Amino acid sequence: LKTGEVVADEALARMITPEGEVIPAGLFIEAASRLQMAHRIDFEIISQTINNCVASLDHQPMAHFVNISGDFLQHPELMEQVIETAQNACACIGGETEVKPLVLEMTEREVLEDTADAYSTLKPLIDFGLRLALDDFGSGYSSYRYLLDMPFTFLKIEGALVQNMSESLRAQKIVQHIQAMASDMGLITVAEFIGDQRTADMLRD
């Protein structure tokens, strides 16, 4: 916020037709979830992002955020495949406990009710050095239980709260509360949907 330097990016799923048309995620992710195929999309995007991580090793270190679905959490066998993909992509990826640039991002809806199961599934990736981000915090699905049970590093504030900050004192207070709590817990906050300079200035303050 002080320098304006880009420190992270987020990989987003898109489909490209043979004619070159780009199809946004909103038009196929829901169908993939119903067909229980979302985990295959997640793994493909993770694999591509790992390759991007390796390609950027010579530049300024960045965090690379990737969304994962509840369906992904139902496939524990994919955890070892992710680790193997990372190791194969770069022999110098580091030791088992070194923090890696890849951040797995999930919404509170996707963690599901059993946070113990979610943590158990993700533990091999956490032990490998990947970090977790909790997305859409404050969206109405918020549960502090997730913060209690899961080792999140990043807390992403619901975009609608950010969008309303410039006009709503309540939205400002909620964001202040989330920021204060995150700071006390040692979490890094990310504000989404910043659409104007006034909102950016308020968040910076």
Protein backbone atom coordinates (compact mmCIF):
# COMPACT_ATOMS: atom_id res chain seq x y z
CA LEU A 1 0.00 0.00 0.00
CA LYS A 2 2.91 2.38 0.66
CA THR A 3 4.77 1.77 -2.61
CA GLY A 4 2.08 0.54 -5.02
CA GLU A 5 4.27 -2.44 -5.84
CA VAL A 6 2.47 -5.56 -7.07
CA VAL A 7 3.12 -8.35 -4.55
CA ALA A 8 0.60 -11.02 -5.58
CA ASP A 9 -1.74 -12.20 -8.33
CA GLU A 10 -4.69 -14.55 -8.59
CA ALA A 11 -5.19 -17.26 -11.17
CA LEU A 12 -8.71 -17.37 -12.62
CA ALA A 13 -10.25 -20.19 -14.64
CA ARG A 14 -11.33 -19.44 -18.20
CA MET A 15 -12.31 -21.71 -21.10
CA ILE A 16 -11.29 -20.86 -24.66
CA THR A 17 -13.36 -22.24 -27.55
CA PRO A 18 -11.77 -23.42 -30.82
CA GLU A 19 -12.92 -20.08 -32.26
CA GLY A 20 -10.96 -18.21 -29.62
CA GLU A 21 -13.95 -17.05 -27.55
CA VAL A 22 -13.13 -16.65 -23.85
CA ILE A 23 -15.80 -18.12 -21.55
CA PRO A 24 -15.81 -16.74 -17.96
CA ALA A 25 -15.87 -19.09 -14.99
CA GLY A 26 -19.43 -18.14 -14.05
CA LEU A 27 -20.70 -19.92 -17.16
CA PHE A 28 -19.09 -23.31 -16.46
CA ILE A 29 -17.94 -23.67 -12.85
CA GLU A 30 -21.46 -24.30 -11.50
CA ALA A 31 -22.05 -27.01 -14.11
CA ALA A 32 -18.66 -28.56 -13.31
CA SER A 33 -19.58 -28.60 -9.63
CA ARG A 34 -22.90 -30.33 -10.31
CA LEU A 35 -21.05 -32.94 -12.36
CA GLN A 36 -18.43 -33.30 -9.60
CA MET A 37 -15.70 -32.28 -12.03
CA ALA A 38 -14.62 -29.04 -10.34
CA HIS A 39 -11.62 -30.78 -8.77
CA ARG A 40 -10.23 -31.45 -12.26
CA ILE A 41 -10.44 -27.74 -13.11
CA ASP A 42 -8.82 -26.86 -9.78
CA PHE A 43 -5.91 -29.22 -10.39
CA GLU A 44 -5.38 -27.92 -13.93
CA ILE A 45 -5.29 -24.29 -12.77
CA ILE A 46 -2.98 -25.19 -9.87
CA SER A 47 -0.62 -26.99 -12.25
CA GLN A 48 -0.53 -24.04 -14.65
CA THR A 49 0.05 -21.64 -11.77
CA ILE A 50 2.94 -23.73 -10.46
CA ASN A 51 4.58 -23.39 -13.87
CA ASN A 52 4.01 -19.61 -13.70
CA CYS A 53 5.60 -19.59 -10.23
CA VAL A 54 8.70 -21.28 -11.63
CA ALA A 55 8.83 -18.89 -14.58
CA SER A 56 8.81 -15.91 -12.20
CA LEU A 57 11.51 -17.15 -9.82
CA ASP A 58 14.06 -14.83 -11.41
CA HIS A 59 11.87 -11.79 -10.69
CA GLN A 60 10.52 -10.16 -7.54
CA PRO A 61 8.99 -12.92 -5.33
CA MET A 62 5.20 -12.90 -5.55
CA ALA A 63 2.35 -14.84 -3.99
CA HIS A 64 0.16 -16.67 -6.49
CA PHE A 65 -3.43 -17.23 -5.29
CA VAL A 66 -5.49 -20.12 -6.69
CA ASN A 67 -9.14 -20.86 -5.87
CA ILE A 68 -10.04 -24.39 -4.79
CA SER A 69 -13.51 -25.88 -4.54
CA GLY A 70 -15.25 -28.07 -2.00
CA ASP A 71 -15.01 -30.81 -4.62
CA PHE A 72 -11.21 -30.51 -4.52
CA LEU A 73 -11.33 -31.23 -0.78
CA GLN A 74 -13.13 -34.49 -1.55
CA HIS A 75 -10.08 -35.81 -3.42
CA PRO A 76 -7.18 -36.25 -0.97
CA GLU A 77 -5.20 -38.10 -3.65
CA LEU A 78 -4.77 -34.79 -5.46
CA MET A 79 -2.70 -33.36 -2.60
CA GLU A 80 0.24 -35.63 -3.35
CA GLN A 81 -0.18 -34.92 -7.06
CA VAL A 82 0.09 -31.18 -6.40
CA ILE A 83 3.29 -31.72 -4.40
CA GLU A 84 4.71 -33.99 -7.10
CA THR A 85 3.85 -31.41 -9.78
CA ALA A 86 5.63 -28.68 -7.81
CA GLN A 87 8.69 -30.84 -7.24
CA ASN A 88 8.87 -31.88 -10.89
CA ALA A 89 8.43 -28.31 -12.11
CA CYS A 90 11.41 -27.01 -10.18
CA ALA A 91 14.08 -29.12 -8.55
CA CYS A 92 15.07 -26.12 -6.40
CA ILE A 93 11.56 -25.56 -5.02
CA GLY A 94 12.98 -25.81 -1.49
CA GLY A 95 12.73 -28.00 1.58
CA GLU A 96 9.60 -29.46 3.06
CA THR A 97 9.01 -26.59 5.50
CA GLU A 98 9.98 -23.67 3.24
CA VAL A 99 7.11 -21.29 2.47
CA LYS A 100 6.10 -21.64 -1.18
CA PRO A 101 4.62 -18.86 -3.35
CA LEU A 102 1.38 -20.77 -4.05
CA VAL A 103 -1.63 -19.78 -1.90
CA LEU A 104 -4.77 -21.94 -1.89
CA GLU A 105 -7.84 -19.76 -1.63
CA MET A 106 -11.25 -21.01 -0.52
CA THR A 107 -14.54 -19.40 0.38
CA GLU A 108 -16.22 -20.11 3.67
CA ARG A 109 -18.87 -22.00 1.71
CA GLU A 110 -16.26 -24.41 0.35
CA VAL A 111 -14.60 -25.31 3.65
CA LEU A 112 -17.77 -27.25 4.49
CA GLU A 113 -19.05 -27.87 7.98
CA ASP A 114 -16.30 -30.27 9.07
CA THR A 115 -13.21 -28.11 9.32
CA ALA A 116 -11.28 -31.02 10.84
CA ASP A 117 -11.75 -33.04 7.66
CA ALA A 118 -10.80 -30.06 5.49
CA TYR A 119 -7.64 -29.50 7.52
CA SER A 120 -6.74 -33.19 7.42
CA THR A 121 -7.12 -33.22 3.64
CA LEU A 122 -5.02 -30.09 3.15
CA LYS A 123 -2.36 -30.93 5.75
CA PRO A 124 0.13 -32.47 3.25
CA LEU A 125 0.04 -29.21 1.26
CA ILE A 126 0.32 -27.09 4.41
CA ASP A 127 3.27 -29.18 5.60
CA PHE A 128 4.83 -28.74 2.17
CA GLY A 129 4.74 -24.97 2.66
CA LEU A 130 1.62 -23.83 0.83
CA ARG A 131 -0.44 -21.13 2.54
CA LEU A 132 -4.21 -20.76 2.84
CA ALA A 133 -6.48 -17.77 2.21
CA LEU A 134 -10.08 -17.44 3.39
CA ASP A 135 -12.09 -15.61 0.72
CA ASP A 136 -15.27 -13.53 0.96
CA PHE A 137 -14.99 -13.05 4.72
CA GLY A 138 -18.04 -11.08 5.83
CA SER A 139 -20.23 -12.29 2.96
CA GLY A 140 -22.92 -13.73 5.22
CA TYR A 141 -21.42 -17.20 5.47
CA SER A 142 -18.83 -16.02 7.97
CA SER A 143 -17.89 -18.43 10.71
CA TYR A 144 -15.13 -17.71 13.18
CA ARG A 145 -14.84 -21.48 13.56
CA TYR A 146 -12.86 -21.55 10.31
CA LEU A 147 -10.33 -19.13 11.76
CA LEU A 148 -10.15 -21.23 14.92
CA ASP A 149 -9.57 -24.56 13.18
CA MET A 150 -7.72 -23.72 9.95
CA PRO A 151 -4.22 -22.19 9.67
CA PHE A 152 -5.09 -19.34 7.32
CA THR A 153 -2.44 -16.77 6.43
CA PHE A 154 -4.65 -14.41 4.41
CA LEU A 155 -8.15 -13.05 5.06
CA LYS A 156 -9.89 -11.62 1.97
CA ILE A 157 -12.62 -9.12 2.81
CA GLU A 158 -15.93 -9.51 1.00
CA GLY A 159 -16.00 -7.17 -1.99
CA ALA A 160 -19.50 -5.83 -1.33
CA LEU A 161 -18.34 -4.45 2.01
CA VAL A 162 -15.44 -2.69 0.31
CA GLN A 163 -17.66 -1.30 -2.45
CA ASN A 164 -20.01 0.24 0.12
CA MET A 165 -17.35 1.79 2.34
CA SER A 166 -17.40 5.22 0.71
CA GLU A 167 -21.16 5.58 1.28
CA SER A 168 -21.84 3.48 4.36
CA LEU A 169 -20.49 4.14 7.84
CA ARG A 170 -21.63 0.65 8.84
CA ALA A 171 -19.56 -0.93 6.07
CA GLN A 172 -16.57 1.13 7.25
CA LYS A 173 -17.01 -0.09 10.82
CA ILE A 174 -17.33 -3.72 9.73
CA VAL A 175 -14.17 -3.52 7.66
CA GLN A 176 -12.37 -1.83 10.57
CA HIS A 177 -13.49 -4.65 12.86
CA ILE A 178 -12.29 -7.33 10.42
CA GLN A 179 -8.95 -5.55 10.00
CA ALA A 180 -8.43 -5.17 13.76
CA MET A 181 -9.24 -8.82 14.39
CA ALA A 182 -6.98 -9.98 11.56
CA SER A 183 -4.14 -7.81 12.83
CA ASP A 184 -4.49 -9.26 16.33
CA MET A 185 -4.34 -12.78 14.85
CA GLY A 186 -1.37 -12.04 12.63
CA LEU A 187 -3.38 -12.46 9.41
CA ILE A 188 -2.76 -10.50 6.22
CA THR A 189 -5.92 -8.84 4.90
CA VAL A 190 -6.77 -8.38 1.23
CA ALA A 191 -9.52 -5.96 0.20
CA GLU A 192 -11.33 -6.80 -3.04
CA PHE A 193 -13.33 -4.69 -5.52
CA ILE A 194 -11.63 -1.35 -4.89
CA GLY A 195 -13.25 0.79 -7.56
CA ASP A 196 -12.22 4.37 -6.79
CA GLN A 197 -9.47 6.42 -5.19
CA ARG A 198 -11.59 7.42 -2.17
CA THR A 199 -12.12 3.79 -1.20
CA ALA A 200 -8.43 3.05 -1.72
CA ASP A 201 -7.50 5.97 0.52
CA MET A 202 -9.93 4.84 3.23
CA LEU A 203 -8.50 1.33 3.18
CA ARG A 204 -4.94 2.64 3.25
CA ASP A 205 -5.78 4.75 6.33
